[in-house]
N, C-alpha and C. Protein backbone atom coordinates (compact mmCIF):
# COMPACT_ATOMS: atom_id res chain seq x y z
N MET A 1 -6.83 -11.46 1.70
CA MET A 1 -6.55 -10.89 0.90
C MET A 1 -5.00 -10.64 1.19
N THR A 2 -3.91 -10.77 0.38
CA THR A 2 -2.42 -10.33 1.28
C THR A 2 -1.74 -8.99 0.77
N TRP A 3 -1.02 -8.99 1.82
CA TRP A 3 -0.09 -7.72 1.44
C TRP A 3 0.85 -8.02 0.46
N ARG A 4 1.07 -6.54 -0.04
CA ARG A 4 2.08 -6.70 -1.38
C ARG A 4 3.18 -5.45 -1.00
N LYS A 5 4.33 -5.96 -1.05
CA LYS A 5 5.97 -4.98 -0.62
C LYS A 5 6.15 -4.28 -2.05
N SER A 6 6.66 -3.43 -2.45
CA SER A 6 7.17 -2.95 -4.18
C SER A 6 8.24 -3.86 -4.40
N SER A 7 8.42 -3.90 -5.61
CA SER A 7 9.57 -4.88 -5.68
C SER A 7 10.49 -3.75 -5.57
N ARG A 8 10.58 -2.49 -5.78
CA ARG A 8 11.74 -1.63 -5.22
C ARG A 8 11.62 -1.26 -4.00
N SER A 9 11.54 -2.08 -3.32
CA SER A 9 11.63 -1.58 -1.71
C SER A 9 13.07 -2.40 -1.57
N ASN A 10 14.00 -1.76 -0.07
CA ASN A 10 14.74 -2.71 -0.14
C ASN A 10 14.99 -3.61 1.35
N GLN A 11 16.01 -4.03 1.66
CA GLN A 11 15.99 -4.87 2.76
C GLN A 11 15.90 -4.68 3.87
N THR A 12 15.94 -3.56 4.49
CA THR A 12 15.71 -2.83 5.30
C THR A 12 14.19 -2.88 5.69
N ASN A 13 13.17 -2.99 5.18
CA ASN A 13 11.90 -2.82 4.90
C ASN A 13 11.34 -1.45 5.40
N ALA A 14 12.24 -0.25 4.55
CA ALA A 14 11.61 0.85 4.72
C ALA A 14 10.76 1.01 3.67
N CYS A 15 9.42 0.86 3.28
CA CYS A 15 8.85 0.81 2.40
C CYS A 15 7.53 0.92 3.33
N VAL A 16 6.41 0.58 2.42
CA VAL A 16 5.20 0.17 2.78
C VAL A 16 4.46 -0.84 1.98
N GLU A 17 3.70 -1.31 2.50
CA GLU A 17 2.73 -2.34 1.99
C GLU A 17 1.51 -1.99 1.66
N VAL A 18 0.98 -2.26 0.37
CA VAL A 18 -0.64 -2.64 0.15
C VAL A 18 -1.30 -3.89 0.20
N ARG A 19 -2.84 -3.48 0.29
CA ARG A 19 -3.60 -4.69 -0.01
C ARG A 19 -4.73 -3.94 -0.23
N LEU A 20 -5.04 -4.33 -1.52
CA LEU A 20 -6.44 -4.21 -2.39
C LEU A 20 -7.32 -4.76 -1.67
N THR A 21 -8.68 -4.03 -1.77
CA THR A 21 -10.04 -4.92 -1.35
C THR A 21 -10.72 -4.56 -1.93
N ALA A 22 -12.00 -5.09 -1.95
CA ALA A 22 -13.44 -4.85 -2.75
C ALA A 22 -13.90 -3.30 -2.97
N THR A 23 -13.14 -2.55 -2.02
CA THR A 23 -13.92 -0.85 -2.22
C THR A 23 -12.42 0.32 -2.18
N GLY A 24 -11.81 -0.73 -2.13
CA GLY A 24 -10.58 0.46 -2.24
C GLY A 24 -8.74 -0.67 -2.27
N ALA A 25 -8.26 0.53 -1.03
CA ALA A 25 -6.76 -0.26 -0.89
C ALA A 25 -6.42 0.33 0.49
N ARG A 26 -5.92 -0.43 1.65
CA ARG A 26 -5.34 -0.44 2.62
C ARG A 26 -3.61 -0.14 2.48
N VAL A 27 -3.02 0.50 3.18
CA VAL A 27 -1.57 0.80 3.27
C VAL A 27 -1.11 1.07 4.56
N ARG A 28 -0.03 -0.09 4.72
CA ARG A 28 0.57 -0.26 6.18
C ARG A 28 1.97 0.25 6.16
N ASP A 29 2.75 0.53 7.04
CA ASP A 29 4.18 0.43 7.28
C ASP A 29 4.50 -0.93 7.30
N ALA A 30 5.40 -1.13 5.91
CA ALA A 30 6.04 -3.00 6.66
C ALA A 30 6.99 -2.94 7.69
N LYS A 31 7.64 -2.12 8.33
CA LYS A 31 8.02 -2.33 9.68
C LYS A 31 6.98 -2.97 10.56
N ASN A 32 5.63 -2.51 10.66
CA ASN A 32 4.50 -2.20 11.67
C ASN A 32 3.96 -3.27 11.14
N ALA A 33 3.92 -4.38 11.20
CA ALA A 33 2.97 -5.44 10.22
C ALA A 33 1.42 -5.53 10.86
N THR A 34 1.94 -5.36 12.11
CA THR A 34 0.35 -5.19 13.54
C THR A 34 -0.05 -4.17 13.66
N GLY A 35 0.38 -3.01 13.29
CA GLY A 35 0.26 -1.58 13.31
C GLY A 35 -1.46 -1.27 12.44
N PRO A 36 -1.47 0.08 12.53
CA PRO A 36 -2.62 1.08 11.53
C PRO A 36 -2.22 0.79 10.48
N ALA A 37 -3.47 0.56 9.70
CA ALA A 37 -3.35 0.73 7.84
C ALA A 37 -4.24 1.93 7.46
N LEU A 38 -3.77 2.64 6.81
CA LEU A 38 -4.79 3.88 6.29
C LEU A 38 -5.48 3.05 5.00
N ALA A 39 -6.69 3.21 5.00
CA ALA A 39 -8.00 2.92 3.89
C ALA A 39 -8.13 4.19 3.12
N PHE A 40 -7.79 3.85 2.19
CA PHE A 40 -8.53 4.46 0.77
C PHE A 40 -9.46 4.45 -0.14
N PRO A 41 -10.19 5.08 -0.44
CA PRO A 41 -11.46 4.66 -1.50
C PRO A 41 -10.69 4.43 -2.83
N ALA A 42 -11.28 3.14 -3.87
CA ALA A 42 -10.63 3.08 -4.90
C ALA A 42 -10.68 4.03 -5.39
N THR A 43 -11.14 5.04 -6.03
CA THR A 43 -10.99 6.32 -6.91
C THR A 43 -9.99 7.06 -6.53
N ARG A 44 -9.49 7.07 -5.09
CA ARG A 44 -8.27 8.01 -4.73
C ARG A 44 -7.12 7.12 -4.83
N PHE A 45 -7.22 5.95 -4.48
CA PHE A 45 -6.43 5.00 -4.67
C PHE A 45 -5.80 4.85 -6.26
N ALA A 46 -6.39 4.66 -6.75
CA ALA A 46 -6.57 4.45 -8.32
C ALA A 46 -5.73 6.06 -8.88
N ALA A 47 -5.88 6.93 -8.38
CA ALA A 47 -5.29 8.54 -8.76
C ALA A 47 -4.07 8.88 -8.30
N PHE A 48 -3.61 8.04 -7.04
CA PHE A 48 -2.28 8.22 -6.47
C PHE A 48 -1.61 7.21 -7.17
N ARG A 49 -1.75 6.12 -7.48
CA ARG A 49 -1.27 4.76 -8.22
C ARG A 49 -0.81 5.66 -9.55
N ASP A 50 -1.43 6.40 -10.24
CA ASP A 50 -1.44 6.64 -11.57
C ASP A 50 -0.18 8.06 -11.64
N ALA A 51 -0.50 8.90 -10.60
CA ALA A 51 0.38 9.98 -9.98
C ALA A 51 1.68 8.83 -10.08
N LEU A 52 2.18 8.04 -9.61
CA LEU A 52 3.35 7.87 -9.26
C LEU A 52 3.94 7.11 -11.02
N LYS A 53 2.58 6.68 -11.32
CA LYS A 53 3.81 6.19 -12.91
C LYS A 53 4.25 7.39 -13.50
N ARG A 54 3.61 8.41 -12.93
CA ARG A 54 3.99 9.74 -14.38
C ARG A 54 5.61 9.93 -14.00
């Protein structure tokens, strides 16, 4: 699975990247690709994503 960066991110990598998994999503700092990633269950990530769309 690949990491995706927002189309609204800027050239300085001041953003996060998201990777969808079978059970949810992982989120990491784009500036630290080898660093830790936060894991979210599918229901929690969907709620977060939907809140951003409002």
